[in-house]
Amino acid sequence: MTSGANEVTAPLPSGLAAVEQEIARACRDFGRDRASVTLIAVSKTFGADAIVPVIANGQRVFGENRVQEAKAK
């Protein structure tokens, strides 16, 4: 299988967890409340089925280029 531009290359839940840990660390380092930071996951080029694991792991804010694409997801 070849790697495509919209192919998931790492398990999303562990990738999401790693990003969350980095955000938490940065918040601690700079004295910010974690709740004051919003992670926006970019779902551009991914189908709705590809973001299901991310949603299942708590991500609720996504960025898209087109309203039509966001609506379908």
PDB file of N, CA and C in Angstrom:
ATOM      1  N   MET A   1       0.847  -1.176   0.000  1.00  0.00           N
ATOM      2  CA  MET A   1       0.000   0.000   0.000  1.00  0.00           C
ATOM      3  C   MET A   1       0.889   1.235   0.000  1.00  0.00           C
ATOM      4  N   THR A   2       0.577   2.190  -0.844  1.00  0.00           N
ATOM      5  CA  THR A   2       1.367   3.415  -0.913  1.00  0.00           C
ATOM      6  C   THR A   2       0.732   4.488  -0.055  1.00  0.00           C
ATOM      7  N   SER A   3       1.538   5.416   0.365  1.00  0.00           N
ATOM      8  CA  SER A   3       1.051   6.491   1.220  1.00  0.00           C
ATOM      9  C   SER A   3       0.488   7.618   0.374  1.00  0.00           C
ATOM     10  N   GLY A   4      -0.764   7.966   0.607  1.00  0.00           N
ATOM     11  CA  GLY A   4      -1.409   9.053  -0.123  1.00  0.00           C
ATOM     12  C   GLY A   4      -1.520  10.282   0.743  1.00  0.00           C
ATOM     13  N   ALA A   5      -1.895  11.393   0.138  1.00  0.00           N
ATOM     14  CA  ALA A   5      -1.990  12.659   0.855  1.00  0.00           C
ATOM     15  C   ALA A   5      -3.054  12.635   1.948  1.00  0.00           C
ATOM     16  N   ASN A   6      -4.098  11.841   1.759  1.00  0.00           N
ATOM     17  CA  ASN A   6      -5.159  11.825   2.761  1.00  0.00           C
ATOM     18  C   ASN A   6      -5.201  10.509   3.523  1.00  0.00           C
ATOM     19  N   GLU A   7      -4.112   9.799   3.501  1.00  0.00           N
ATOM     20  CA  GLU A   7      -4.030   8.523   4.202  1.00  0.00           C
ATOM     21  C   GLU A   7      -3.524   8.746   5.627  1.00  0.00           C
ATOM     22  N   VAL A   8      -4.135   8.106   6.573  1.00  0.00           N
ATOM     23  CA  VAL A   8      -3.714   8.209   7.958  1.00  0.00           C
ATOM     24  C   VAL A   8      -2.461   7.370   8.124  1.00  0.00           C
ATOM     25  N   THR A   9      -1.393   7.976   8.625  1.00  0.00           N
ATOM     26  CA  THR A   9      -0.125   7.259   8.741  1.00  0.00           C
ATOM     27  C   THR A   9       0.200   6.839  10.166  1.00  0.00           C
ATOM     28  N   ALA A  10      -0.551   7.328  11.134  1.00  0.00           N
ATOM     29  CA  ALA A  10      -0.338   6.952  12.532  1.00  0.00           C
ATOM     30  C   ALA A  10      -1.697   6.730  13.167  1.00  0.00           C
ATOM     31  N   PRO A  11      -1.750   5.887  14.175  1.00  0.00           N
ATOM     32  CA  PRO A  11      -3.031   5.691  14.863  1.00  0.00           C
ATOM     33  C   PRO A  11      -3.529   7.020  15.425  1.00  0.00           C
ATOM     34  N   LEU A  12      -4.707   7.419  15.025  1.00  0.00           N
ATOM     35  CA  LEU A  12      -5.219   8.720  15.424  1.00  0.00           C
ATOM     36  C   LEU A  12      -5.363   8.900  16.924  1.00  0.00           C
ATOM     37  N   PRO A  13      -5.933   7.937  17.648  1.00  0.00           N
ATOM     38  CA  PRO A  13      -6.073   8.179  19.088  1.00  0.00           C
ATOM     39  C   PRO A  13      -4.751   8.445  19.786  1.00  0.00           C
ATOM     40  N   SER A  14      -3.685   7.695  19.467  1.00  0.00           N
ATOM     41  CA  SER A  14      -2.410   7.940  20.137  1.00  0.00           C
ATOM     42  C   SER A  14      -1.799   9.250  19.655  1.00  0.00           C
ATOM     43  N   GLY A  15      -2.011   9.600  18.385  1.00  0.00           N
ATOM     44  CA  GLY A  15      -1.536  10.882  17.883  1.00  0.00           C
ATOM     45  C   GLY A  15      -2.246  12.026  18.562  1.00  0.00           C
ATOM     46  N   LEU A  16      -3.537  11.892  18.742  1.00  0.00           N
ATOM     47  CA  LEU A  16      -4.321  12.908  19.436  1.00  0.00           C
ATOM     48  C   LEU A  16      -3.858  13.023  20.883  1.00  0.00           C
ATOM     49  N   ALA A  17      -3.593  11.900  21.510  1.00  0.00           N
ATOM     50  CA  ALA A  17      -3.123  11.906  22.896  1.00  0.00           C
ATOM     51  C   ALA A  17      -1.780  12.621  23.010  1.00  0.00           C
ATOM     52  N   ALA A  18      -0.893  12.410  22.043  1.00  0.00           N
ATOM     53  CA  ALA A  18       0.413  13.067  22.061  1.00  0.00           C
ATOM     54  C   ALA A  18       0.268  14.579  21.935  1.00  0.00           C
ATOM     55  N   VAL A  19      -0.635  15.026  21.071  1.00  0.00           N
ATOM     56  CA  VAL A  19      -0.865  16.463  20.904  1.00  0.00           C
ATOM     57  C   VAL A  19      -1.464  17.037  22.188  1.00  0.00           C
ATOM     58  N   GLU A  20      -2.405  16.321  22.771  1.00  0.00           N
ATOM     59  CA  GLU A  20      -3.008  16.782  24.031  1.00  0.00           C
ATOM     60  C   GLU A  20      -1.950  16.903  25.130  1.00  0.00           C
ATOM     61  N   GLN A  21      -1.020  15.956  25.199  1.00  0.00           N
ATOM     62  CA  GLN A  21       0.050  16.021  26.201  1.00  0.00           C
ATOM     63  C   GLN A  21       0.940  17.236  25.971  1.00  0.00           C
ATOM     64  N   GLU A  22       1.237  17.537  24.714  1.00  0.00           N
ATOM     65  CA  GLU A  22       2.051  18.710  24.390  1.00  0.00           C
ATOM     66  C   GLU A  22       1.342  20.004  24.770  1.00  0.00           C
ATOM     67  N   ILE A  23       0.048  20.060  24.500  1.00  0.00           N
ATOM     68  CA  ILE A  23      -0.719  21.255  24.872  1.00  0.00           C
ATOM     69  C   ILE A  23      -0.716  21.419  26.388  1.00  0.00           C
ATOM     70  N   ALA A  24      -0.953  20.313  27.103  1.00  0.00           N
ATOM     71  CA  ALA A  24      -0.964  20.365  28.571  1.00  0.00           C
ATOM     72  C   ALA A  24       0.392  20.810  29.112  1.00  0.00           C
ATOM     73  N   ARG A  25       1.484  20.301  28.520  1.00  0.00           N
ATOM     74  CA  ARG A  25       2.837  20.672  28.952  1.00  0.00           C
ATOM     75  C   ARG A  25       3.077  22.159  28.709  1.00  0.00           C
ATOM     76  N   ALA A  26       2.716  22.634  27.523  1.00  0.00           N
ATOM     77  CA  ALA A  26       2.913  24.042  27.195  1.00  0.00           C
ATOM     78  C   ALA A  26       2.100  24.940  28.142  1.00  0.00           C
ATOM     79  N   CYS A  27       0.895  24.523  28.453  1.00  0.00           N
ATOM     80  CA  CYS A  27       0.060  25.295  29.381  1.00  0.00           C
ATOM     81  C   CYS A  27       0.708  25.362  30.756  1.00  0.00           C
ATOM     82  N   ARG A  28       1.227  24.239  31.230  1.00  0.00           N
ATOM     83  CA  ARG A  28       1.925  24.234  32.525  1.00  0.00           C
ATOM     84  C   ARG A  28       3.138  25.159  32.477  1.00  0.00           C
ATOM     85  N   ASP A  29       3.937  25.032  31.413  1.00  0.00           N
ATOM     86  CA  ASP A  29       5.162  25.822  31.289  1.00  0.00           C
ATOM     87  C   ASP A  29       4.896  27.327  31.275  1.00  0.00           C
ATOM     88  N   PHE A  30       3.781  27.731  30.716  1.00  0.00           N
ATOM     89  CA  PHE A  30       3.484  29.147  30.574  1.00  0.00           C
ATOM     90  C   PHE A  30       2.371  29.636  31.489  1.00  0.00           C
ATOM     91  N   GLY A  31       1.955  28.779  32.436  1.00  0.00           N
ATOM     92  CA  GLY A  31       0.976  29.195  33.428  1.00  0.00           C
ATOM     93  C   GLY A  31      -0.409  29.458  32.871  1.00  0.00           C
ATOM     94  N   ARG A  32      -0.770  28.725  31.822  1.00  0.00           N
ATOM     95  CA  ARG A  32      -2.105  28.887  31.239  1.00  0.00           C
ATOM     96  C   ARG A  32      -3.006  27.747  31.663  1.00  0.00           C
ATOM     97  N   ASP A  33      -4.287  28.052  31.743  1.00  0.00           N
ATOM     98  CA  ASP A  33      -5.288  27.035  32.014  1.00  0.00           C
ATOM     99  C   ASP A  33      -5.497  26.229  30.726  1.00  0.00           C
ATOM    100  N   ARG A  34      -5.453  24.908  30.807  1.00  0.00           N
ATOM    101  CA  ARG A  34      -5.637  24.056  29.625  1.00  0.00           C
ATOM    102  C   ARG A  34      -6.968  24.344  28.939  1.00  0.00           C
ATOM    103  N   ALA A  35      -7.972  24.687  29.707  1.00  0.00           N
ATOM    104  CA  ALA A  35      -9.296  24.962  29.142  1.00  0.00           C
ATOM    105  C   ALA A  35      -9.309  26.222  28.278  1.00  0.00           C
ATOM    106  N   SER A  36      -8.260  27.040  28.367  1.00  0.00           N
ATOM    107  CA  SER A  36      -8.204  28.268  27.573  1.00  0.00           C
ATOM    108  C   SER A  36      -7.655  28.032  26.163  1.00  0.00           C
ATOM    109  N   VAL A  37      -7.265  26.789  25.862  1.00  0.00           N
ATOM    110  CA  VAL A  37      -6.691  26.456  24.560  1.00  0.00           C
ATOM    111  C   VAL A  37      -7.633  25.512  23.825  1.00  0.00           C
ATOM    112  N   THR A  38      -7.927  25.826  22.572  1.00  0.00           N
ATOM    113  CA  THR A  38      -8.780  24.982  21.747  1.00  0.00           C
ATOM    114  C   THR A  38      -7.954  24.330  20.656  1.00  0.00           C
ATOM    115  N   LEU A  39      -7.966  23.013  20.615  1.00  0.00           N
ATOM    116  CA  LEU A  39      -7.305  22.274  19.551  1.00  0.00           C
ATOM    117  C   LEU A  39      -8.272  22.154  18.386  1.00  0.00           C
ATOM    118  N   ILE A  40      -7.861  22.642  17.223  1.00  0.00           N
ATOM    119  CA  ILE A  40      -8.683  22.537  16.021  1.00  0.00           C
ATOM    120  C   ILE A  40      -8.038  21.484  15.126  1.00  0.00           C
ATOM    121  N   ALA A  41      -8.715  20.361  14.980  1.00  0.00           N
ATOM    122  CA  ALA A  41      -8.217  19.282  14.127  1.00  0.00           C
ATOM    123  C   ALA A  41      -8.614  19.585  12.682  1.00  0.00           C
ATOM    124  N   VAL A  42      -7.662  19.485  11.784  1.00  0.00           N
ATOM    125  CA  VAL A  42      -7.932  19.760  10.373  1.00  0.00           C
ATOM    126  C   VAL A  42      -8.346  18.460   9.702  1.00  0.00           C
ATOM    127  N   SER A  43      -9.579  18.432   9.213  1.00  0.00           N
ATOM    128  CA  SER A  43     -10.097  17.211   8.589  1.00  0.00           C
ATOM    129  C   SER A  43     -10.107  17.305   7.072  1.00  0.00           C
ATOM    130  N   LYS A  44      -9.526  18.366   6.556  1.00  0.00           N
ATOM    131  CA  LYS A  44      -9.434  18.582   5.107  1.00  0.00           C
ATOM    132  C   LYS A  44      -8.790  17.365   4.448  1.00  0.00           C
ATOM    133  N   THR A  45      -9.344  16.925   3.372  1.00  0.00           N
ATOM    134  CA  THR A  45      -8.909  15.784   2.543  1.00  0.00           C
ATOM    135  C   THR A  45      -9.230  14.418   3.153  1.00  0.00           C
ATOM    136  N   PHE A  46      -9.790  14.389   4.344  1.00  0.00           N
ATOM    137  CA  PHE A  46     -10.167  13.119   4.968  1.00  0.00           C
ATOM    138  C   PHE A  46     -11.664  12.921   4.870  1.00  0.00           C
ATOM    139  N   GLY A  47     -12.086  11.701   4.620  1.00  0.00           N
ATOM    140  CA  GLY A  47     -13.502  11.375   4.595  1.00  0.00           C
ATOM    141  C   GLY A  47     -14.067  11.303   6.005  1.00  0.00           C
ATOM    142  N   ALA A  48     -15.380  11.303   6.098  1.00  0.00           N
ATOM    143  CA  ALA A  48     -16.039  11.259   7.402  1.00  0.00           C
ATOM    144  C   ALA A  48     -15.629  10.035   8.210  1.00  0.00           C
ATOM    145  N   ASP A  49     -15.447   8.890   7.534  1.00  0.00           N
ATOM    146  CA  ASP A  49     -15.060   7.668   8.253  1.00  0.00           C
ATOM    147  C   ASP A  49     -13.673   7.765   8.866  1.00  0.00           C
ATOM    148  N   ALA A  50     -12.804   8.576   8.306  1.00  0.00           N
ATOM    149  CA  ALA A  50     -11.440   8.714   8.817  1.00  0.00           C
ATOM    150  C   ALA A  50     -11.384   9.508  10.114  1.00  0.00           C
ATOM    151  N   ILE A  51     -12.379  10.361  10.378  1.00  0.00           N
ATOM    152  CA  ILE A  51     -12.334  11.173  11.595  1.00  0.00           C
ATOM    153  C   ILE A  51     -13.138  10.573  12.744  1.00  0.00           C
ATOM    154  N   VAL A  52     -13.825   9.469  12.483  1.00  0.00           N
ATOM    155  CA  VAL A  52     -14.617   8.811  13.533  1.00  0.00           C
ATOM    156  C   VAL A  52     -13.767   8.466  14.758  1.00  0.00           C
ATOM    157  N   PRO A  53     -12.566   7.882  14.609  1.00  0.00           N
ATOM    158  CA  PRO A  53     -11.764   7.571  15.802  1.00  0.00           C
ATOM    159  C   PRO A  53     -11.362   8.820  16.590  1.00  0.00           C
ATOM    160  N   VAL A  54     -11.161   9.920  15.902  1.00  0.00           N
ATOM    161  CA  VAL A  54     -10.787  11.166  16.574  1.00  0.00           C
ATOM    162  C   VAL A  54     -11.966  11.700  17.378  1.00  0.00           C
ATOM    163  N   ILE A  55     -13.154  11.649  16.787  1.00  0.00           N
ATOM    164  CA  ILE A  55     -14.363  12.066  17.497  1.00  0.00           C
ATOM    165  C   ILE A  55     -14.604  11.157  18.697  1.00  0.00           C
ATOM    166  N   ALA A  56     -14.404   9.863  18.503  1.00  0.00           N
ATOM    167  CA  ALA A  56     -14.601   8.898  19.589  1.00  0.00           C
ATOM    168  C   ALA A  56     -13.653   9.159  20.756  1.00  0.00           C
ATOM    169  N   ASN A  57     -12.525   9.808  20.480  1.00  0.00           N
ATOM    170  CA  ASN A  57     -11.556  10.117  21.528  1.00  0.00           C
ATOM    171  C   ASN A  57     -11.672  11.536  22.052  1.00  0.00           C
ATOM    172  N   GLY A  58     -12.794  12.193  21.756  1.00  0.00           N
ATOM    173  CA  GLY A  58     -13.086  13.456  22.401  1.00  0.00           C
ATOM    174  C   GLY A  58     -12.883  14.726  21.597  1.00  0.00           C
ATOM    175  N   GLN A  59     -12.301  14.640  20.413  1.00  0.00           N
ATOM    176  CA  GLN A  59     -12.108  15.862  19.624  1.00  0.00           C
ATOM    177  C   GLN A  59     -13.456  16.335  19.090  1.00  0.00           C
ATOM    178  N   ARG A  60     -13.759  17.618  19.277  1.00  0.00           N
ATOM    179  CA  ARG A  60     -15.052  18.146  18.849  1.00  0.00           C
ATOM    180  C   ARG A  60     -14.945  19.322  17.903  1.00  0.00           C
ATOM    181  N   VAL A  61     -13.766  19.922  17.763  1.00  0.00           N
ATOM    182  CA  VAL A  61     -13.614  21.101  16.917  1.00  0.00           C
ATOM    183  C   VAL A  61     -12.744  20.722  15.718  1.00  0.00           C
ATOM    184  N   PHE A  62     -13.293  20.936  14.515  1.00  0.00           N
ATOM    185  CA  PHE A  62     -12.603  20.572  13.280  1.00  0.00           C
ATOM    186  C   PHE A  62     -12.577  21.764  12.338  1.00  0.00           C
ATOM    187  N   GLY A  63     -11.533  21.835  11.528  1.00  0.00           N
ATOM    188  CA  GLY A  63     -11.417  22.871  10.517  1.00  0.00           C
ATOM    189  C   GLY A  63     -11.581  22.271   9.133  1.00  0.00           C
ATOM    190  N   GLU A  64     -12.268  22.964   8.290  1.00  0.00           N
ATOM    191  CA  GLU A  64     -12.520  22.544   6.898  1.00  0.00           C
ATOM    192  C   GLU A  64     -12.391  23.756   6.003  1.00  0.00           C
ATOM    193  N   ASN A  65     -12.113  23.533   4.726  1.00  0.00           N
ATOM    194  CA  ASN A  65     -12.063  24.625   3.753  1.00  0.00           C
ATOM    195  C   ASN A  65     -13.442  25.000   3.242  1.00  0.00           C
ATOM    196  N   ARG A  66     -14.308  24.015   3.104  1.00  0.00           N
ATOM    197  CA  ARG A  66     -15.608  24.254   2.485  1.00  0.00           C
ATOM    198  C   ARG A  66     -16.747  23.810   3.405  1.00  0.00           C
ATOM    199  N   VAL A  67     -17.777  24.631   3.460  1.00  0.00           N
ATOM    200  CA  VAL A  67     -18.939  24.304   4.282  1.00  0.00           C
ATOM    201  C   VAL A  67     -19.547  22.979   3.860  1.00  0.00           C
ATOM    202  N   GLN A  68     -19.597  22.712   2.545  1.00  0.00           N
ATOM    203  CA  GLN A  68     -20.184  21.473   2.043  1.00  0.00           C
ATOM    204  C   GLN A  68     -19.440  20.258   2.614  1.00  0.00           C
ATOM    205  N   GLU A  69     -18.135  20.352   2.687  1.00  0.00           N
ATOM    206  CA  GLU A  69     -17.322  19.237   3.224  1.00  0.00           C
ATOM    207  C   GLU A  69     -17.607  19.047   4.710  1.00  0.00           C
ATOM    208  N   ALA A  70     -17.659  20.138   5.458  1.00  0.00           N
ATOM    209  CA  ALA A  70     -17.918  20.063   6.899  1.00  0.00           C
ATOM    210  C   ALA A  70     -19.306  19.487   7.173  1.00  0.00           C
ATOM    211  N   LYS A  71     -20.275  19.900   6.371  1.00  0.00           N
ATOM    212  CA  LYS A  71     -21.649  19.427   6.549  1.00  0.00           C
ATOM    213  C   LYS A  71     -21.739  17.909   6.438  1.00  0.00           C
ATOM    214  N   ALA A  72     -21.031  17.352   5.464  1.00  0.00           N
ATOM    215  CA  ALA A  72     -21.047  15.903   5.249  1.00  0.00           C
ATOM    216  C   ALA A  72     -20.410  15.143   6.407  1.00  0.00           C
ATOM    217  N   LYS A  73     -19.527  15.800   7.112  1.00  0.00           N
ATOM    218  CA  LYS A  73     -18.832  15.144   8.210  1.00  0.00           C
ATOM    219  C   LYS A  73     -19.548  15.350   9.510  1.00  0.00           C
TER     220      LYS A  73
END
